[in-house]
Amino acid sequence: MPEAEIGVIGGSGFYELFSGAEDVEIETRYGPPSDRLTVGEVGGRRVAFLPRHGRRHTIPPQRINYRANVAAMAALGVRRLLGPCAAGSLQPRVRPGDFVMCDQYVDRTRGRADTFYDGAEVAHVSMAQPYCPEMSALLGEQARAMELPVHERGTVVVIQGPRFSTRAESVWFRAQGWEVINMTQYPEAALAREMEICYANISLITDYDVGVEGDAGVAPVTAAEVVRMFRANLDRLRDLLLRMIPTIPGQRTCVCATALAHARV
């Protein structure tokens, strides 16, 4: 089996990172991941890519096998994981086409298999700082160098899906001061931390959520609009990752690397 030190789990419309690489099928104790993993090189670094929803976008957010996806990355040796995704904005200042490096999440999902510690071994992993500060800083640095419209902090509220929010739900989320809404960041980020894998998010804002439409003067979000906006900005997102990946240091000094040190009971 090939090895990789860095992983990318891509979201809607983000079905490949590079070409001419090797496809790998992995079976985990949690079942199969969303699709085959592709392993290749980016700037001299071994990178594994996995389409979060499958290559044909056939897996809805509530049915993604998040544990298998993260476990498959770990099986290849991945210790740094990037989770680009499409997301909606809850605040007028965060505009479609902007990028947000989330530093916090709020979980509003239900019934998802969200831990590797649901058996004989128990661990209570701290999630006070759920995203890797080292990798998030590197993403922000490269985004500024590319002159992208970027917000280097933000809270994402993760909803169950596959439906979008009601107007009342969206207004409530906005009133809390949260910036971003998405369907897949949880439990992906939490599972990476349980594996002591560094995880960073880059959210591409595709739309204003329905509770913001009055200020923004736009119609309620549709799936077609999300896909259109994501595809329109896909090259910028891919270029950001291709520039950032070679800058990731080999040694880890962040909280992610020792997450289990005092977590097991």
C-alpha atoms as a PDB file:
ATOM      1  CA  MET A   1       0.000   0.000   0.000  1.00  0.00           C
ATOM      2  CA  PRO A   2       1.397   3.441  -0.881  1.00  0.00           C
ATOM      3  CA  GLU A   3       2.045   5.957   1.876  1.00  0.00           C
ATOM      4  CA  ALA A   4       1.044   9.598   2.233  1.00  0.00           C
ATOM      5  CA  GLU A   5       1.806  12.181   4.906  1.00  0.00           C
ATOM      6  CA  ILE A   6      -0.871  14.716   3.935  1.00  0.00           C
ATOM      7  CA  GLY A   7      -4.523  14.077   3.112  1.00  0.00           C
ATOM      8  CA  VAL A   8      -7.294  16.070   1.444  1.00  0.00           C
ATOM      9  CA  ILE A   9     -10.974  15.178   1.813  1.00  0.00           C
ATOM     10  CA  GLY A  10     -12.743  17.276  -0.823  1.00  0.00           C
ATOM     11  CA  GLY A  11     -16.357  18.350  -0.902  1.00  0.00           C
ATOM     12  CA  SER A  12     -18.989  19.093  -3.526  1.00  0.00           C
ATOM     13  CA  GLY A  13     -17.510  19.492  -6.987  1.00  0.00           C
ATOM     14  CA  PHE A  14     -13.971  18.887  -5.741  1.00  0.00           C
ATOM     15  CA  TYR A  15     -13.380  15.436  -7.183  1.00  0.00           C
ATOM     16  CA  GLU A  16      -9.684  15.514  -7.914  1.00  0.00           C
ATOM     17  CA  LEU A  17      -6.591  17.300  -6.732  1.00  0.00           C
ATOM     18  CA  PHE A  18      -4.056  16.021  -9.211  1.00  0.00           C
ATOM     19  CA  SER A  19      -3.875  13.698 -12.208  1.00  0.00           C
ATOM     20  CA  GLY A  20      -1.554  10.826 -13.090  1.00  0.00           C
ATOM     21  CA  ALA A  21      -1.599   9.471  -9.554  1.00  0.00           C
ATOM     22  CA  GLU A  22      -2.315   6.015  -8.111  1.00  0.00           C
ATOM     23  CA  ASP A  23      -5.797   4.905  -7.050  1.00  0.00           C
ATOM     24  CA  VAL A  24      -5.974   2.860  -3.854  1.00  0.00           C
ATOM     25  CA  GLU A  25      -8.885   0.834  -2.468  1.00  0.00           C
ATOM     26  CA  ILE A  26      -8.927   0.539   1.317  1.00  0.00           C
ATOM     27  CA  GLU A  27     -11.272  -1.403   3.567  1.00  0.00           C
ATOM     28  CA  THR A  28     -11.372  -0.287   7.193  1.00  0.00           C
ATOM     29  CA  ARG A  29     -12.862  -1.865  10.305  1.00  0.00           C
ATOM     30  CA  TYR A  30     -15.639   0.716   9.917  1.00  0.00           C
ATOM     31  CA  GLY A  31     -16.411  -0.285   6.338  1.00  0.00           C
ATOM     32  CA  PRO A  32     -15.369   1.270   3.024  1.00  0.00           C
ATOM     33  CA  PRO A  33     -14.602   4.994   2.665  1.00  0.00           C
ATOM     34  CA  SER A  34     -16.590   7.180   0.290  1.00  0.00           C
ATOM     35  CA  ASP A  35     -14.517   6.135  -2.739  1.00  0.00           C
ATOM     36  CA  ARG A  36     -11.065   5.085  -3.853  1.00  0.00           C
ATOM     37  CA  LEU A  37      -8.242   7.240  -2.536  1.00  0.00           C
ATOM     38  CA  THR A  38      -5.812   8.805  -4.991  1.00  0.00           C
ATOM     39  CA  VAL A  39      -2.176   9.078  -3.920  1.00  0.00           C
ATOM     40  CA  GLY A  40       0.381  11.273  -5.658  1.00  0.00           C
ATOM     41  CA  GLU A  41       2.844  14.106  -5.114  1.00  0.00           C
ATOM     42  CA  VAL A  42       2.359  17.821  -4.598  1.00  0.00           C
ATOM     43  CA  GLY A  43       5.540  19.854  -4.340  1.00  0.00           C
ATOM     44  CA  GLY A  44       7.534  16.798  -3.367  1.00  0.00           C
ATOM     45  CA  ARG A  45       5.066  15.769  -0.632  1.00  0.00           C
ATOM     46  CA  ARG A  46       3.067  12.543  -0.706  1.00  0.00           C
ATOM     47  CA  VAL A  47      -0.626  13.435  -0.681  1.00  0.00           C
ATOM     48  CA  ALA A  48      -3.800  11.311  -0.548  1.00  0.00           C
ATOM     49  CA  PHE A  49      -7.093  12.651  -1.898  1.00  0.00           C
ATOM     50  CA  LEU A  50     -10.614  11.357  -1.173  1.00  0.00           C
ATOM     51  CA  PRO A  51     -13.911  12.733  -2.546  1.00  0.00           C
ATOM     52  CA  ARG A  52     -16.139  13.135   0.511  1.00  0.00           C
ATOM     53  CA  HIS A  53     -19.415  12.402  -1.303  1.00  0.00           C
ATOM     54  CA  GLY A  54     -17.954   9.892  -3.775  1.00  0.00           C
ATOM     55  CA  ARG A  55     -16.751  10.765  -7.279  1.00  0.00           C
ATOM     56  CA  ARG A  56     -20.304  10.942  -8.623  1.00  0.00           C
ATOM     57  CA  HIS A  57     -21.661  12.774  -5.569  1.00  0.00           C
ATOM     58  CA  THR A  58     -23.894   9.847  -4.639  1.00  0.00           C
ATOM     59  CA  ILE A  59     -23.503   9.986  -0.828  1.00  0.00           C
ATOM     60  CA  PRO A  60     -25.567  12.590   1.053  1.00  0.00           C
ATOM     61  CA  PRO A  61     -23.979  14.263   4.091  1.00  0.00           C
ATOM     62  CA  GLN A  62     -25.899  12.252   6.699  1.00  0.00           C
ATOM     63  CA  ARG A  63     -24.825   8.953   5.066  1.00  0.00           C
ATOM     64  CA  ILE A  64     -21.093   9.621   4.694  1.00  0.00           C
ATOM     65  CA  ASN A  65     -18.990   7.039   6.515  1.00  0.00           C
ATOM     66  CA  TYR A  66     -16.846   9.629   8.268  1.00  0.00           C
ATOM     67  CA  ARG A  67     -15.081   7.078  10.452  1.00  0.00           C
ATOM     68  CA  ALA A  68     -14.031   5.003   7.443  1.00  0.00           C
ATOM     69  CA  ASN A  69     -12.823   8.117   5.604  1.00  0.00           C
ATOM     70  CA  VAL A  70     -10.566   9.244   8.448  1.00  0.00           C
ATOM     71  CA  ALA A  71      -9.427   5.688   9.234  1.00  0.00           C
ATOM     72  CA  ALA A  72      -8.470   5.163   5.571  1.00  0.00           C
ATOM     73  CA  MET A  73      -6.325   8.294   5.664  1.00  0.00           C
ATOM     74  CA  ALA A  74      -4.658   7.098   8.855  1.00  0.00           C
ATOM     75  CA  ALA A  75      -3.969   3.701   7.256  1.00  0.00           C
ATOM     76  CA  LEU A  76      -1.906   5.472   4.583  1.00  0.00           C
ATOM     77  CA  GLY A  77       0.111   7.284   7.248  1.00  0.00           C
ATOM     78  CA  VAL A  78      -1.598  10.673   6.940  1.00  0.00           C
ATOM     79  CA  ARG A  79      -0.888  13.006   9.876  1.00  0.00           C
ATOM     80  CA  ARG A  80      -2.087  16.263   8.299  1.00  0.00           C
ATOM     81  CA  LEU A  81      -5.600  16.476   6.844  1.00  0.00           C
ATOM     82  CA  LEU A  82      -7.245  19.294   4.906  1.00  0.00           C
ATOM     83  CA  GLY A  83     -11.031  19.478   4.631  1.00  0.00           C
ATOM     84  CA  PRO A  84     -12.101  21.963   1.922  1.00  0.00           C
ATOM     85  CA  CYS A  85     -15.866  22.297   1.600  1.00  0.00           C
ATOM     86  CA  ALA A  86     -18.704  24.357   0.201  1.00  0.00           C
ATOM     87  CA  ALA A  87     -20.569  26.400   2.808  1.00  0.00           C
ATOM     88  CA  GLY A  88     -23.197  29.079   3.221  1.00  0.00           C
ATOM     89  CA  SER A  89     -22.815  32.473   4.877  1.00  0.00           C
ATOM     90  CA  LEU A  90     -24.804  33.528   7.932  1.00  0.00           C
ATOM     91  CA  GLN A  91     -23.460  37.088   8.019  1.00  0.00           C
ATOM     92  CA  PRO A  92     -23.689  39.817   5.321  1.00  0.00           C
ATOM     93  CA  ARG A  93     -19.962  40.623   5.719  1.00  0.00           C
ATOM     94  CA  VAL A  94     -19.066  37.049   4.633  1.00  0.00           C
ATOM     95  CA  ARG A  95     -19.851  37.120   0.928  1.00  0.00           C
ATOM     96  CA  PRO A  96     -20.271  34.422  -1.726  1.00  0.00           C
ATOM     97  CA  GLY A  97     -16.842  33.799  -3.237  1.00  0.00           C
ATOM     98  CA  ASP A  98     -15.082  34.464   0.087  1.00  0.00           C
ATOM     99  CA  PHE A  99     -12.936  31.879   1.865  1.00  0.00           C
ATOM    100  CA  VAL A 100     -13.268  31.171   5.595  1.00  0.00           C
ATOM    101  CA  MET A 101     -10.734  29.242   7.695  1.00  0.00           C
ATOM    102  CA  CYS A 102     -13.048  28.034  10.448  1.00  0.00           C
ATOM    103  CA  ASP A 103     -11.572  27.825  13.948  1.00  0.00           C
ATOM    104  CA  GLN A 104     -14.684  26.598  15.796  1.00  0.00           C
ATOM    105  CA  TYR A 105     -17.726  24.458  15.031  1.00  0.00           C
ATOM    106  CA  VAL A 106     -21.164  23.940  16.558  1.00  0.00           C
ATOM    107  CA  ASP A 107     -22.669  20.473  16.091  1.00  0.00           C
ATOM    108  CA  ARG A 108     -26.367  20.367  15.200  1.00  0.00           C
ATOM    109  CA  THR A 109     -26.304  16.893  13.616  1.00  0.00           C
ATOM    110  CA  ARG A 110     -27.880  13.768  15.045  1.00  0.00           C
ATOM    111  CA  GLY A 111     -27.321  10.024  14.875  1.00  0.00           C
ATOM    112  CA  ARG A 112     -23.946  10.106  13.137  1.00  0.00           C
ATOM    113  CA  ALA A 113     -21.229   7.662  14.156  1.00  0.00           C
ATOM    114  CA  ASP A 114     -18.919  10.308  15.578  1.00  0.00           C
ATOM    115  CA  THR A 115     -16.250   8.595  17.678  1.00  0.00           C
ATOM    116  CA  PHE A 116     -13.685   5.817  17.467  1.00  0.00           C
ATOM    117  CA  TYR A 117     -14.101   5.269  21.217  1.00  0.00           C
ATOM    118  CA  ASP A 118     -17.504   3.613  21.478  1.00  0.00           C
ATOM    119  CA  GLY A 119     -16.334   0.259  22.841  1.00  0.00           C
ATOM    120  CA  ALA A 120     -14.143  -1.125  25.590  1.00  0.00           C
ATOM    121  CA  GLU A 121     -11.662   1.757  25.466  1.00  0.00           C
ATOM    122  CA  VAL A 122     -12.860   5.212  26.523  1.00  0.00           C
ATOM    123  CA  ALA A 123     -11.263   8.560  25.664  1.00  0.00           C
ATOM    124  CA  HIS A 124     -12.509  12.098  26.255  1.00  0.00           C
ATOM    125  CA  VAL A 125     -10.627  14.217  23.733  1.00  0.00           C
ATOM    126  CA  SER A 126     -10.476  17.975  24.238  1.00  0.00           C
ATOM    127  CA  MET A 127     -12.058  19.929  21.390  1.00  0.00           C
ATOM    128  CA  ALA A 128     -11.544  23.415  22.785  1.00  0.00           C
ATOM    129  CA  GLN A 129      -9.420  24.172  19.718  1.00  0.00           C
ATOM    130  CA  PRO A 130     -10.929  21.817  17.118  1.00  0.00           C
ATOM    131  CA  TYR A 131      -8.918  22.951  14.076  1.00  0.00           C
ATOM    132  CA  CYS A 132      -5.142  22.783  13.757  1.00  0.00           C
ATOM    133  CA  PRO A 133      -3.742  26.280  14.406  1.00  0.00           C
ATOM    134  CA  GLU A 134      -0.534  25.549  12.461  1.00  0.00           C
ATOM    135  CA  MET A 135      -2.244  24.481   9.264  1.00  0.00           C
ATOM    136  CA  SER A 136      -4.916  27.179   9.496  1.00  0.00           C
ATOM    137  CA  ALA A 137      -2.185  29.817   9.775  1.00  0.00           C
ATOM    138  CA  LEU A 138      -0.452  28.423   6.678  1.00  0.00           C
ATOM    139  CA  LEU A 139      -3.717  28.509   4.724  1.00  0.00           C
ATOM    140  CA  GLY A 140      -4.283  32.121   5.761  1.00  0.00           C
ATOM    141  CA  GLU A 141      -0.749  33.100   4.769  1.00  0.00           C
ATOM    142  CA  GLN A 142      -1.097  31.613   1.290  1.00  0.00           C
ATOM    143  CA  ALA A 143      -4.599  33.038   0.806  1.00  0.00           C
ATOM    144  CA  ARG A 144      -3.301  36.535   1.590  1.00  0.00           C
ATOM    145  CA  ALA A 145      -0.365  36.043  -0.797  1.00  0.00           C
ATOM    146  CA  MET A 146      -2.876  35.124  -3.523  1.00  0.00           C
ATOM    147  CA  GLU A 147      -4.988  38.190  -2.592  1.00  0.00           C
ATOM    148  CA  LEU A 148      -8.040  36.024  -2.002  1.00  0.00           C
ATOM    149  CA  PRO A 149     -10.975  37.404   0.015  1.00  0.00           C
ATOM    150  CA  VAL A 150     -10.315  35.472   3.209  1.00  0.00           C
ATOM    151  CA  HIS A 151     -11.634  35.397   6.781  1.00  0.00           C
ATOM    152  CA  GLU A 152      -9.063  33.702   9.013  1.00  0.00           C
ATOM    153  CA  ARG A 153     -11.506  32.931  11.811  1.00  0.00           C
ATOM    154  CA  GLY A 154     -15.090  31.770  11.878  1.00  0.00           C
ATOM    155  CA  THR A 155     -17.559  29.429  13.532  1.00  0.00           C
ATOM    156  CA  VAL A 156     -19.334  26.868  11.372  1.00  0.00           C
ATOM    157  CA  VAL A 157     -22.661  25.428  12.489  1.00  0.00           C
ATOM    158  CA  VAL A 158     -23.023  21.917  11.101  1.00  0.00           C
ATOM    159  CA  ILE A 159     -26.583  20.858  10.281  1.00  0.00           C
ATOM    160  CA  GLN A 160     -27.832  17.365   9.564  1.00  0.00           C
ATOM    161  CA  GLY A 161     -28.919  17.846   5.960  1.00  0.00           C
ATOM    162  CA  PRO A 162     -29.649  16.990   3.292  1.00  0.00           C
ATOM    163  CA  ARG A 163     -32.259  19.761   3.463  1.00  0.00           C
ATOM    164  CA  PHE A 164     -31.289  23.393   3.869  1.00  0.00           C
ATOM    165  CA  SER A 165     -32.318  25.393   6.940  1.00  0.00           C
ATOM    166  CA  THR A 166     -35.727  26.922   7.509  1.00  0.00           C
ATOM    167  CA  ARG A 167     -35.753  30.707   7.705  1.00  0.00           C
ATOM    168  CA  ALA A 168     -36.331  30.517  11.481  1.00  0.00           C
ATOM    169  CA  GLU A 169     -33.364  28.189  11.973  1.00  0.00           C
ATOM    170  CA  SER A 170     -31.126  30.382   9.869  1.00  0.00           C
ATOM    171  CA  VAL A 171     -32.140  33.554  11.719  1.00  0.00           C
ATOM    172  CA  TRP A 172     -31.379  31.776  15.014  1.00  0.00           C
ATOM    173  CA  PHE A 173     -27.920  30.673  13.816  1.00  0.00           C
ATOM    174  CA  ARG A 174     -27.170  34.164  12.582  1.00  0.00           C
ATOM    175  CA  ALA A 175     -28.268  35.697  15.908  1.00  0.00           C
ATOM    176  CA  GLN A 176     -25.662  33.578  17.699  1.00  0.00           C
ATOM    177  CA  GLY A 177     -22.972  35.368  15.705  1.00  0.00           C
ATOM    178  CA  TRP A 178     -21.897  32.259  13.781  1.00  0.00           C
ATOM    179  CA  GLU A 179     -20.461  32.925  10.342  1.00  0.00           C
ATOM    180  CA  VAL A 180     -20.715  29.709   8.315  1.00  0.00           C
ATOM    181  CA  ILE A 181     -23.216  26.873   7.803  1.00  0.00           C
ATOM    182  CA  ASN A 182     -22.296  23.446   6.419  1.00  0.00           C
ATOM    183  CA  MET A 183     -23.400  19.788   6.532  1.00  0.00           C
ATOM    184  CA  THR A 184     -20.122  17.829   6.725  1.00  0.00           C
ATOM    185  CA  GLN A 185     -17.586  19.410   9.096  1.00  0.00           C
ATOM    186  CA  TYR A 186     -18.881  17.273  11.964  1.00  0.00           C
ATOM    187  CA  PRO A 187     -17.814  14.600  12.799  1.00  0.00           C
ATOM    188  CA  GLU A 188     -14.943  14.779  10.296  1.00  0.00           C
ATOM    189  CA  ALA A 189     -12.915  17.275  12.345  1.00  0.00           C
ATOM    190  CA  ALA A 190     -13.591  15.508  15.650  1.00  0.00           C
ATOM    191  CA  LEU A 191     -12.608  12.083  14.295  1.00  0.00           C
ATOM    192  CA  ALA A 192      -9.326  13.456  12.977  1.00  0.00           C
ATOM    193  CA  ARG A 193      -8.521  14.783  16.449  1.00  0.00           C
ATOM    194  CA  GLU A 194      -9.257  11.360  17.969  1.00  0.00           C
ATOM    195  CA  MET A 195      -6.627   9.951  15.589  1.00  0.00           C
ATOM    196  CA  GLU A 196      -4.195  12.743  16.546  1.00  0.00           C
ATOM    197  CA  ILE A 197      -4.332  13.934  12.937  1.00  0.00           C
ATOM    198  CA  CYS A 198      -4.021  17.668  12.331  1.00  0.00           C
ATOM    199  CA  TYR A 199      -7.165  18.945  10.600  1.00  0.00           C
ATOM    200  CA  ALA A 200      -7.811  22.321   8.961  1.00  0.00           C
ATOM    201  CA  ASN A 201     -10.864  23.614   7.139  1.00  0.00           C
ATOM    202  CA  ILE A 202     -11.157  25.980   4.218  1.00  0.00           C
ATOM    203  CA  SER A 203     -14.778  26.876   3.478  1.00  0.00           C
ATOM    204  CA  LEU A 204     -15.654  28.336   0.100  1.00  0.00           C
ATOM    205  CA  ILE A 205     -18.758  30.456   0.563  1.00  0.00           C
ATOM    206  CA  THR A 206     -21.236  29.655  -2.185  1.00  0.00           C
ATOM    207  CA  ASP A 207     -24.366  31.494  -1.005  1.00  0.00           C
ATOM    208  CA  TYR A 208     -26.112  33.484   1.688  1.00  0.00           C
ATOM    209  CA  ASP A 209     -28.212  31.269   3.915  1.00  0.00           C
ATOM    210  CA  VAL A 210     -31.959  31.890   3.891  1.00  0.00           C
ATOM    211  CA  GLY A 211     -31.939  33.938   7.118  1.00  0.00           C
ATOM    212  CA  VAL A 212     -29.595  36.505   5.536  1.00  0.00           C
ATOM    213  CA  GLU A 213     -31.545  37.014   2.334  1.00  0.00           C
ATOM    214  CA  GLY A 214     -33.335  40.146   3.529  1.00  0.00           C
ATOM    215  CA  ASP A 215     -30.075  42.048   4.053  1.00  0.00           C
ATOM    216  CA  ALA A 216     -28.315  40.562   1.048  1.00  0.00           C
ATOM    217  CA  GLY A 217     -31.203  41.029  -1.330  1.00  0.00           C
ATOM    218  CA  VAL A 218     -30.905  37.517  -2.717  1.00  0.00           C
ATOM    219  CA  ALA A 219     -33.261  34.579  -3.199  1.00  0.00           C
ATOM    220  CA  PRO A 220     -33.250  31.504  -0.929  1.00  0.00           C
ATOM    221  CA  VAL A 221     -30.351  29.100  -1.475  1.00  0.00           C
ATOM    222  CA  THR A 222     -30.704  26.309  -4.030  1.00  0.00           C
ATOM    223  CA  ALA A 223     -28.490  23.296  -4.697  1.00  0.00           C
ATOM    224  CA  ALA A 224     -27.950  24.466  -8.284  1.00  0.00           C
ATOM    225  CA  GLU A 225     -26.617  27.831  -7.112  1.00  0.00           C
ATOM    226  CA  VAL A 226     -24.273  26.171  -4.604  1.00  0.00           C
ATOM    227  CA  VAL A 227     -22.780  23.947  -7.310  1.00  0.00           C
ATOM    228  CA  ARG A 228     -22.502  26.833  -9.790  1.00  0.00           C
ATOM    229  CA  MET A 229     -20.638  29.070  -7.341  1.00  0.00           C
ATOM    230  CA  PHE A 230     -18.374  26.265  -6.167  1.00  0.00           C
ATOM    231  CA  ARG A 231     -17.371  25.353  -9.709  1.00  0.00           C
ATOM    232  CA  ALA A 232     -16.746  29.006 -10.545  1.00  0.00           C
ATOM    233  CA  ASN A 233     -14.214  29.227  -7.701  1.00  0.00           C
ATOM    234  CA  LEU A 234     -12.804  25.700  -7.835  1.00  0.00           C
ATOM    235  CA  ASP A 235      -9.559  26.701  -9.542  1.00  0.00           C
ATOM    236  CA  ARG A 236      -8.806  29.279  -6.833  1.00  0.00           C
ATOM    237  CA  LEU A 237      -9.410  26.693  -4.122  1.00  0.00           C
ATOM    238  CA  ARG A 238      -7.246  24.089  -5.842  1.00  0.00           C
ATOM    239  CA  ASP A 239      -4.446  26.618  -6.390  1.00  0.00           C
ATOM    240  CA  LEU A 240      -4.576  27.590  -2.714  1.00  0.00           C
ATOM    241  CA  LEU A 241      -4.112  23.976  -1.631  1.00  0.00           C
ATOM    242  CA  LEU A 242      -1.354  23.327  -4.171  1.00  0.00           C
ATOM    243  CA  ARG A 243       0.545  26.359  -2.885  1.00  0.00           C
ATOM    244  CA  MET A 244      -0.025  25.597   0.782  1.00  0.00           C
ATOM    245  CA  ILE A 245       0.755  21.853   0.893  1.00  0.00           C
ATOM    246  CA  PRO A 246       4.518  22.152   0.198  1.00  0.00           C
ATOM    247  CA  THR A 247       4.833  24.660   3.079  1.00  0.00           C
ATOM    248  CA  ILE A 248       3.538  22.243   5.746  1.00  0.00           C
ATOM    249  CA  PRO A 249       6.365  21.464   8.188  1.00  0.00           C
ATOM    250  CA  GLY A 250       7.279  17.853   8.814  1.00  0.00           C
ATOM    251  CA  GLN A 251       7.458  18.254  12.588  1.00  0.00           C
ATOM    252  CA  ARG A 252       4.279  18.906  14.527  1.00  0.00           C
ATOM    253  CA  THR A 253       4.191  21.145  17.594  1.00  0.00           C
ATOM    254  CA  CYS A 254       0.420  21.730  17.749  1.00  0.00           C
ATOM    255  CA  VAL A 255      -2.246  20.486  20.161  1.00  0.00           C
ATOM    256  CA  CYS A 256      -3.409  17.878  17.631  1.00  0.00           C
ATOM    257  CA  ALA A 257      -0.244  15.755  17.870  1.00  0.00           C
ATOM    258  CA  THR A 258      -0.766  14.903  21.566  1.00  0.00           C
ATOM    259  CA  ALA A 259      -4.577  14.930  21.776  1.00  0.00           C
ATOM    260  CA  LEU A 260      -4.744  11.491  23.400  1.00  0.00           C
ATOM    261  CA  ALA A 261      -2.008  12.097  25.990  1.00  0.00           C
ATOM    262  CA  HIS A 262      -4.482  12.810  28.798  1.00  0.00           C
ATOM    263  CA  ALA A 263      -7.741  11.705  27.177  1.00  0.00           C
ATOM    264  CA  ARG A 264      -7.929   7.972  27.910  1.00  0.00           C
ATOM    265  CA  VAL A 265      -9.707   6.640  30.972  1.00  0.00           C
END
